[in-house]
Amino acid sequence: MDFLQEGGFLVYLFIFVGKILEVTVSTVRVVLINRGEKEKGAIIAFFEILLWLFITGTVLAGFQDDIIRVF
């Protein structure tokens, strides 16, 4: 994933799609927990947190050089 360090349009697209995926996973997790399926919700929460960490790490990796990544 060297393209994440170089910058450019692909990084912004990756962050955008990643955030959409994160919100989708979060919604599925909330629905499962409301249905009483706490075990499945906990497993999905684990992957949601991993996804959040990866996206946040990508944003913070070069935000001083490219401040637009933060927004």
PDB file of N, CA and C in Angstrom:
ATOM      1  N   MET A   1       0.816  -1.184   0.000  1.00  0.00           N
ATOM      2  CA  MET A   1       0.000   0.000   0.000  1.00  0.00           C
ATOM      3  C   MET A   1       0.865   1.255   0.000  1.00  0.00           C
ATOM      4  N   ASP A   2       1.785   1.293  -0.919  1.00  0.00           N
ATOM      5  CA  ASP A   2       2.661   2.456  -1.021  1.00  0.00           C
ATOM      6  C   ASP A   2       1.920   3.694  -1.504  1.00  0.00           C
ATOM      7  N   PHE A   3       0.816   3.509  -2.218  1.00  0.00           N
ATOM      8  CA  PHE A   3       0.086   4.662  -2.729  1.00  0.00           C
ATOM      9  C   PHE A   3      -0.502   5.510  -1.606  1.00  0.00           C
ATOM     10  N   LEU A   4      -0.659   4.933  -0.415  1.00  0.00           N
ATOM     11  CA  LEU A   4      -1.201   5.701   0.708  1.00  0.00           C
ATOM     12  C   LEU A   4      -0.183   6.691   1.251  1.00  0.00           C
ATOM     13  N   GLN A   5       1.090   6.425   1.059  1.00  0.00           N
ATOM     14  CA  GLN A   5       2.126   7.319   1.558  1.00  0.00           C
ATOM     15  C   GLN A   5       2.453   8.425   0.564  1.00  0.00           C
ATOM     16  N   GLU A   6       2.195   8.196  -0.718  1.00  0.00           N
ATOM     17  CA  GLU A   6       2.563   9.154  -1.748  1.00  0.00           C
ATOM     18  C   GLU A   6       1.605  10.333  -1.834  1.00  0.00           C
ATOM     19  N   GLY A   7       0.379  10.144  -1.497  1.00  0.00           N
ATOM     20  CA  GLY A   7      -0.604  11.212  -1.611  1.00  0.00           C
ATOM     21  C   GLY A   7      -1.348  11.100  -2.926  1.00  0.00           C
ATOM     22  N   GLY A   8      -2.084  12.124  -3.243  1.00  0.00           N
ATOM     23  CA  GLY A   8      -2.822  12.132  -4.491  1.00  0.00           C
ATOM     24  C   GLY A   8      -4.270  11.739  -4.313  1.00  0.00           C
ATOM     25  N   PHE A   9      -4.920  11.610  -5.446  1.00  0.00           N
ATOM     26  CA  PHE A   9      -6.357  11.361  -5.475  1.00  0.00           C
ATOM     27  C   PHE A   9      -6.733  10.019  -4.857  1.00  0.00           C
ATOM     28  N   LEU A  10      -5.908   8.996  -5.049  1.00  0.00           N
ATOM     29  CA  LEU A  10      -6.245   7.671  -4.533  1.00  0.00           C
ATOM     30  C   LEU A  10      -6.339   7.641  -3.011  1.00  0.00           C
ATOM     31  N   VAL A  11      -5.539   8.447  -2.347  1.00  0.00           N
ATOM     32  CA  VAL A  11      -5.603   8.495  -0.882  1.00  0.00           C
ATOM     33  C   VAL A  11      -6.941   9.065  -0.436  1.00  0.00           C
ATOM     34  N   TYR A  12      -7.365  10.139  -1.090  1.00  0.00           N
ATOM     35  CA  TYR A  12      -8.649  10.744  -0.731  1.00  0.00           C
ATOM     36  C   TYR A  12      -9.800   9.789  -1.020  1.00  0.00           C
ATOM     37  N   LEU A  13      -9.723   9.088  -2.128  1.00  0.00           N
ATOM     38  CA  LEU A  13     -10.754   8.117  -2.472  1.00  0.00           C
ATOM     39  C   LEU A  13     -10.774   6.970  -1.465  1.00  0.00           C
ATOM     40  N   PHE A  14      -9.601   6.500  -1.062  1.00  0.00           N
ATOM     41  CA  PHE A  14      -9.500   5.430  -0.073  1.00  0.00           C
ATOM     42  C   PHE A  14     -10.113   5.858   1.260  1.00  0.00           C
ATOM     43  N   ILE A  15      -9.817   7.072   1.702  1.00  0.00           N
ATOM     44  CA  ILE A  15     -10.359   7.570   2.969  1.00  0.00           C
ATOM     45  C   ILE A  15     -11.882   7.704   2.878  1.00  0.00           C
ATOM     46  N   PHE A  16     -12.376   8.237   1.767  1.00  0.00           N
ATOM     47  CA  PHE A  16     -13.812   8.424   1.585  1.00  0.00           C
ATOM     48  C   PHE A  16     -14.553   7.089   1.599  1.00  0.00           C
ATOM     49  N   VAL A  17     -14.071   6.141   0.812  1.00  0.00           N
ATOM     50  CA  VAL A  17     -14.715   4.828   0.749  1.00  0.00           C
ATOM     51  C   VAL A  17     -14.584   4.104   2.087  1.00  0.00           C
ATOM     52  N   GLY A  18     -13.440   4.268   2.740  1.00  0.00           N
ATOM     53  CA  GLY A  18     -13.243   3.647   4.046  1.00  0.00           C
ATOM     54  C   GLY A  18     -14.217   4.164   5.089  1.00  0.00           C
ATOM     55  N   LYS A  19     -14.466   5.461   5.082  1.00  0.00           N
ATOM     56  CA  LYS A  19     -15.422   6.029   6.038  1.00  0.00           C
ATOM     57  C   LYS A  19     -16.849   5.568   5.734  1.00  0.00           C
ATOM     58  N   ILE A  20     -17.192   5.456   4.464  1.00  0.00           N
ATOM     59  CA  ILE A  20     -18.515   4.936   4.111  1.00  0.00           C
ATOM     60  C   ILE A  20     -18.662   3.501   4.605  1.00  0.00           C
ATOM     61  N   LEU A  21     -17.630   2.704   4.410  1.00  0.00           N
ATOM     62  CA  LEU A  21     -17.646   1.320   4.878  1.00  0.00           C
ATOM     63  C   LEU A  21     -17.734   1.257   6.402  1.00  0.00           C
ATOM     64  N   GLU A  22     -17.028   2.148   7.073  1.00  0.00           N
ATOM     65  CA  GLU A  22     -17.059   2.171   8.541  1.00  0.00           C
ATOM     66  C   GLU A  22     -18.458   2.490   9.067  1.00  0.00           C
ATOM     67  N   VAL A  23     -19.116   3.458   8.473  1.00  0.00           N
ATOM     68  CA  VAL A  23     -20.469   3.819   8.910  1.00  0.00           C
ATOM     69  C   VAL A  23     -21.444   2.680   8.623  1.00  0.00           C
ATOM     70  N   THR A  24     -21.274   2.007   7.500  1.00  0.00           N
ATOM     71  CA  THR A  24     -22.131   0.873   7.165  1.00  0.00           C
ATOM     72  C   THR A  24     -21.971  -0.258   8.174  1.00  0.00           C
ATOM     73  N   VAL A  25     -20.731  -0.577   8.510  1.00  0.00           N
ATOM     74  CA  VAL A  25     -20.463  -1.632   9.489  1.00  0.00           C
ATOM     75  C   VAL A  25     -21.029  -1.244  10.851  1.00  0.00           C
ATOM     76  N   SER A  26     -20.911   0.020  11.209  1.00  0.00           N
ATOM     77  CA  SER A  26     -21.445   0.495  12.483  1.00  0.00           C
ATOM     78  C   SER A  26     -22.968   0.353  12.530  1.00  0.00           C
ATOM     79  N   THR A  27     -23.624   0.654  11.435  1.00  0.00           N
ATOM     80  CA  THR A  27     -25.079   0.520  11.373  1.00  0.00           C
ATOM     81  C   THR A  27     -25.504  -0.937  11.518  1.00  0.00           C
ATOM     82  N   VAL A  28     -24.805  -1.828  10.839  1.00  0.00           N
ATOM     83  CA  VAL A  28     -25.109  -3.257  10.955  1.00  0.00           C
ATOM     84  C   VAL A  28     -24.898  -3.723  12.389  1.00  0.00           C
ATOM     85  N   ARG A  29     -23.841  -3.246  13.025  1.00  0.00           N
ATOM     86  CA  ARG A  29     -23.565  -3.615  14.420  1.00  0.00           C
ATOM     87  C   ARG A  29     -24.702  -3.180  15.337  1.00  0.00           C
ATOM     88  N   VAL A  30     -25.175  -1.956  15.178  1.00  0.00           N
ATOM     89  CA  VAL A  30     -26.255  -1.445  16.026  1.00  0.00           C
ATOM     90  C   VAL A  30     -27.538  -2.246  15.802  1.00  0.00           C
ATOM     91  N   VAL A  31     -27.832  -2.580  14.565  1.00  0.00           N
ATOM     92  CA  VAL A  31     -29.029  -3.372  14.269  1.00  0.00           C
ATOM     93  C   VAL A  31     -28.932  -4.748  14.923  1.00  0.00           C
ATOM     94  N   LEU A  32     -27.769  -5.383  14.823  1.00  0.00           N
ATOM     95  CA  LEU A  32     -27.600  -6.702  15.433  1.00  0.00           C
ATOM     96  C   LEU A  32     -27.746  -6.644  16.949  1.00  0.00           C
ATOM     97  N   ILE A  33     -27.182  -5.631  17.568  1.00  0.00           N
ATOM     98  CA  ILE A  33     -27.283  -5.504  19.022  1.00  0.00           C
ATOM     99  C   ILE A  33     -28.732  -5.258  19.437  1.00  0.00           C
ATOM    100  N   ASN A  34     -29.461  -4.454  18.668  1.00  0.00           N
ATOM    101  CA  ASN A  34     -30.870  -4.204  18.984  1.00  0.00           C
ATOM    102  C   ASN A  34     -31.734  -5.445  18.807  1.00  0.00           C
ATOM    103  N   ARG A  35     -31.326  -6.341  17.931  1.00  0.00           N
ATOM    104  CA  ARG A  35     -32.051  -7.598  17.742  1.00  0.00           C
ATOM    105  C   ARG A  35     -31.705  -8.618  18.813  1.00  0.00           C
ATOM    106  N   GLY A  36     -30.730  -8.319  19.643  1.00  0.00           N
ATOM    107  CA  GLY A  36     -30.351  -9.233  20.706  1.00  0.00           C
ATOM    108  C   GLY A  36     -29.194 -10.146  20.354  1.00  0.00           C
ATOM    109  N   GLU A  37     -28.575  -9.939  19.220  1.00  0.00           N
ATOM    110  CA  GLU A  37     -27.449 -10.764  18.792  1.00  0.00           C
ATOM    111  C   GLU A  37     -26.144 -10.088  19.210  1.00  0.00           C
ATOM    112  N   LYS A  38     -25.888 -10.124  20.509  1.00  0.00           N
ATOM    113  CA  LYS A  38     -24.752  -9.389  21.064  1.00  0.00           C
ATOM    114  C   LYS A  38     -23.407  -9.966  20.641  1.00  0.00           C
ATOM    115  N   GLU A  39     -23.342 -11.280  20.470  1.00  0.00           N
ATOM    116  CA  GLU A  39     -22.068 -11.895  20.084  1.00  0.00           C
ATOM    117  C   GLU A  39     -21.646 -11.446  18.688  1.00  0.00           C
ATOM    118  N   LYS A  40     -22.587 -11.475  17.761  1.00  0.00           N
ATOM    119  CA  LYS A  40     -22.288 -11.019  16.400  1.00  0.00           C
ATOM    120  C   LYS A  40     -21.957  -9.531  16.393  1.00  0.00           C
ATOM    121  N   GLY A  41     -22.670  -8.765  17.204  1.00  0.00           N
ATOM    122  CA  GLY A  41     -22.395  -7.336  17.305  1.00  0.00           C
ATOM    123  C   GLY A  41     -21.003  -7.055  17.837  1.00  0.00           C
ATOM    124  N   ALA A  42     -20.562  -7.858  18.797  1.00  0.00           N
ATOM    125  CA  ALA A  42     -19.221  -7.680  19.354  1.00  0.00           C
ATOM    126  C   ALA A  42     -18.144  -8.015  18.332  1.00  0.00           C
ATOM    127  N   ILE A  43     -18.374  -9.051  17.553  1.00  0.00           N
ATOM    128  CA  ILE A  43     -17.403  -9.420  16.516  1.00  0.00           C
ATOM    129  C   ILE A  43     -17.313  -8.325  15.455  1.00  0.00           C
ATOM    130  N   ILE A  44     -18.448  -7.812  15.047  1.00  0.00           N
ATOM    131  CA  ILE A  44     -18.453  -6.734  14.058  1.00  0.00           C
ATOM    132  C   ILE A  44     -17.820  -5.477  14.641  1.00  0.00           C
ATOM    133  N   ALA A  45     -18.029  -5.215  15.923  1.00  0.00           N
ATOM    134  CA  ALA A  45     -17.410  -4.049  16.567  1.00  0.00           C
ATOM    135  C   ALA A  45     -15.890  -4.150  16.529  1.00  0.00           C
ATOM    136  N   PHE A  46     -15.355  -5.350  16.698  1.00  0.00           N
ATOM    137  CA  PHE A  46     -13.908  -5.547  16.620  1.00  0.00           C
ATOM    138  C   PHE A  46     -13.382  -5.142  15.249  1.00  0.00           C
ATOM    139  N   PHE A  47     -14.047  -5.589  14.190  1.00  0.00           N
ATOM    140  CA  PHE A  47     -13.609  -5.240  12.845  1.00  0.00           C
ATOM    141  C   PHE A  47     -13.857  -3.765  12.532  1.00  0.00           C
ATOM    142  N   GLU A  48     -14.890  -3.204  13.115  1.00  0.00           N
ATOM    143  CA  GLU A  48     -15.150  -1.774  12.943  1.00  0.00           C
ATOM    144  C   GLU A  48     -14.013  -0.948  13.535  1.00  0.00           C
ATOM    145  N   ILE A  49     -13.539  -1.342  14.692  1.00  0.00           N
ATOM    146  CA  ILE A  49     -12.440  -0.625  15.333  1.00  0.00           C
ATOM    147  C   ILE A  49     -11.152  -0.786  14.537  1.00  0.00           C
ATOM    148  N   LEU A  50     -10.901  -1.981  14.017  1.00  0.00           N
ATOM    149  CA  LEU A  50      -9.718  -2.179  13.167  1.00  0.00           C
ATOM    150  C   LEU A  50      -9.771  -1.290  11.929  1.00  0.00           C
ATOM    151  N   LEU A  51     -10.939  -1.199  11.321  1.00  0.00           N
ATOM    152  CA  LEU A  51     -11.110  -0.344  10.153  1.00  0.00           C
ATOM    153  C   LEU A  51     -10.887   1.115  10.518  1.00  0.00           C
ATOM    154  N   TRP A  52     -11.429   1.549  11.643  1.00  0.00           N
ATOM    155  CA  TRP A  52     -11.250   2.930  12.088  1.00  0.00           C
ATOM    156  C   TRP A  52      -9.774   3.240  12.333  1.00  0.00           C
ATOM    157  N   LEU A  53      -9.069   2.313  12.964  1.00  0.00           N
ATOM    158  CA  LEU A  53      -7.646   2.525  13.225  1.00  0.00           C
ATOM    159  C   LEU A  53      -6.845   2.637  11.932  1.00  0.00           C
ATOM    160  N   PHE A  54      -7.169   1.808  10.962  1.00  0.00           N
ATOM    161  CA  PHE A  54      -6.454   1.845   9.695  1.00  0.00           C
ATOM    162  C   PHE A  54      -6.703   3.159   8.959  1.00  0.00           C
ATOM    163  N   ILE A  55      -7.953   3.604   8.928  1.00  0.00           N
ATOM    164  CA  ILE A  55      -8.287   4.858   8.246  1.00  0.00           C
ATOM    165  C   ILE A  55      -7.658   6.040   8.972  1.00  0.00           C
ATOM    166  N   THR A  56      -7.749   6.059  10.285  1.00  0.00           N
ATOM    167  CA  THR A  56      -7.166   7.154  11.061  1.00  0.00           C
ATOM    168  C   THR A  56      -5.652   7.187  10.904  1.00  0.00           C
ATOM    169  N   GLY A  57      -5.023   6.032  10.885  1.00  0.00           N
ATOM    170  CA  GLY A  57      -3.582   5.976  10.660  1.00  0.00           C
ATOM    171  C   GLY A  57      -3.198   6.521   9.302  1.00  0.00           C
ATOM    172  N   THR A  58      -4.019   6.258   8.298  1.00  0.00           N
ATOM    173  CA  THR A  58      -3.767   6.779   6.959  1.00  0.00           C
ATOM    174  C   THR A  58      -3.881   8.297   6.939  1.00  0.00           C
ATOM    175  N   VAL A  59      -4.871   8.819   7.618  1.00  0.00           N
ATOM    176  CA  VAL A  59      -5.052  10.272   7.660  1.00  0.00           C
ATOM    177  C   VAL A  59      -3.904  10.934   8.406  1.00  0.00           C
ATOM    178  N   LEU A  60      -3.523  10.371   9.533  1.00  0.00           N
ATOM    179  CA  LEU A  60      -2.499  10.994  10.363  1.00  0.00           C
ATOM    180  C   LEU A  60      -1.081  10.784   9.844  1.00  0.00           C
ATOM    181  N   ALA A  61      -0.897   9.844   8.923  1.00  0.00           N
ATOM    182  CA  ALA A  61       0.446   9.547   8.423  1.00  0.00           C
ATOM    183  C   ALA A  61       1.074  10.743   7.726  1.00  0.00           C
ATOM    184  N   GLY A  62       0.298  11.567   7.076  1.00  0.00           N
ATOM    185  CA  GLY A  62       0.890  12.683   6.355  1.00  0.00           C
ATOM    186  C   GLY A  62       0.073  13.951   6.428  1.00  0.00           C
ATOM    187  N   PHE A  63      -0.617  14.158   7.532  1.00  0.00           N
ATOM    188  CA  PHE A  63      -1.505  15.324   7.578  1.00  0.00           C
ATOM    189  C   PHE A  63      -0.752  16.639   7.682  1.00  0.00           C
ATOM    190  N   GLN A  64       0.489  16.638   8.146  1.00  0.00           N
ATOM    191  CA  GLN A  64       1.250  17.885   8.197  1.00  0.00           C
ATOM    192  C   GLN A  64       1.664  18.335   6.804  1.00  0.00           C
ATOM    193  N   ASP A  65       1.891  17.376   5.921  1.00  0.00           N
ATOM    194  CA  ASP A  65       2.247  17.714   4.549  1.00  0.00           C
ATOM    195  C   ASP A  65       1.024  18.029   3.708  1.00  0.00           C
ATOM    196  N   ASP A  66      -0.096  17.425   4.040  1.00  0.00           N
ATOM    197  CA  ASP A  66      -1.316  17.568   3.247  1.00  0.00           C
ATOM    198  C   ASP A  66      -2.495  17.740   4.198  1.00  0.00           C
ATOM    199  N   ILE A  67      -2.764  18.964   4.596  1.00  0.00           N
ATOM    200  CA  ILE A  67      -3.762  19.259   5.631  1.00  0.00           C
ATOM    201  C   ILE A  67      -5.184  18.912   5.182  1.00  0.00           C
ATOM    202  N   ILE A  68      -5.426  18.762   3.893  1.00  0.00           N
ATOM    203  CA  ILE A  68      -6.770  18.452   3.395  1.00  0.00           C
ATOM    204  C   ILE A  68      -7.229  17.078   3.866  1.00  0.00           C
ATOM    205  N   ARG A  69      -6.300  16.170   4.167  1.00  0.00           N
ATOM    206  CA  ARG A  69      -6.676  14.827   4.618  1.00  0.00           C
ATOM    207  C   ARG A  69      -7.499  14.863   5.904  1.00  0.00           C
ATOM    208  N   VAL A  70      -7.301  15.842   6.724  1.00  0.00           N
ATOM    209  CA  VAL A  70      -8.000  15.908   8.009  1.00  0.00           C
ATOM    210  C   VAL A  70      -9.485  16.183   7.800  1.00  0.00           C
ATOM    211  N   PHE A  71      -9.831  16.934   6.789  1.00  0.00           N
ATOM    212  CA  PHE A  71     -11.223  17.294   6.549  1.00  0.00           C
ATOM    213  C   PHE A  71     -11.834  16.237   5.722  1.00  0.00           C
TER     214      PHE A  71
END
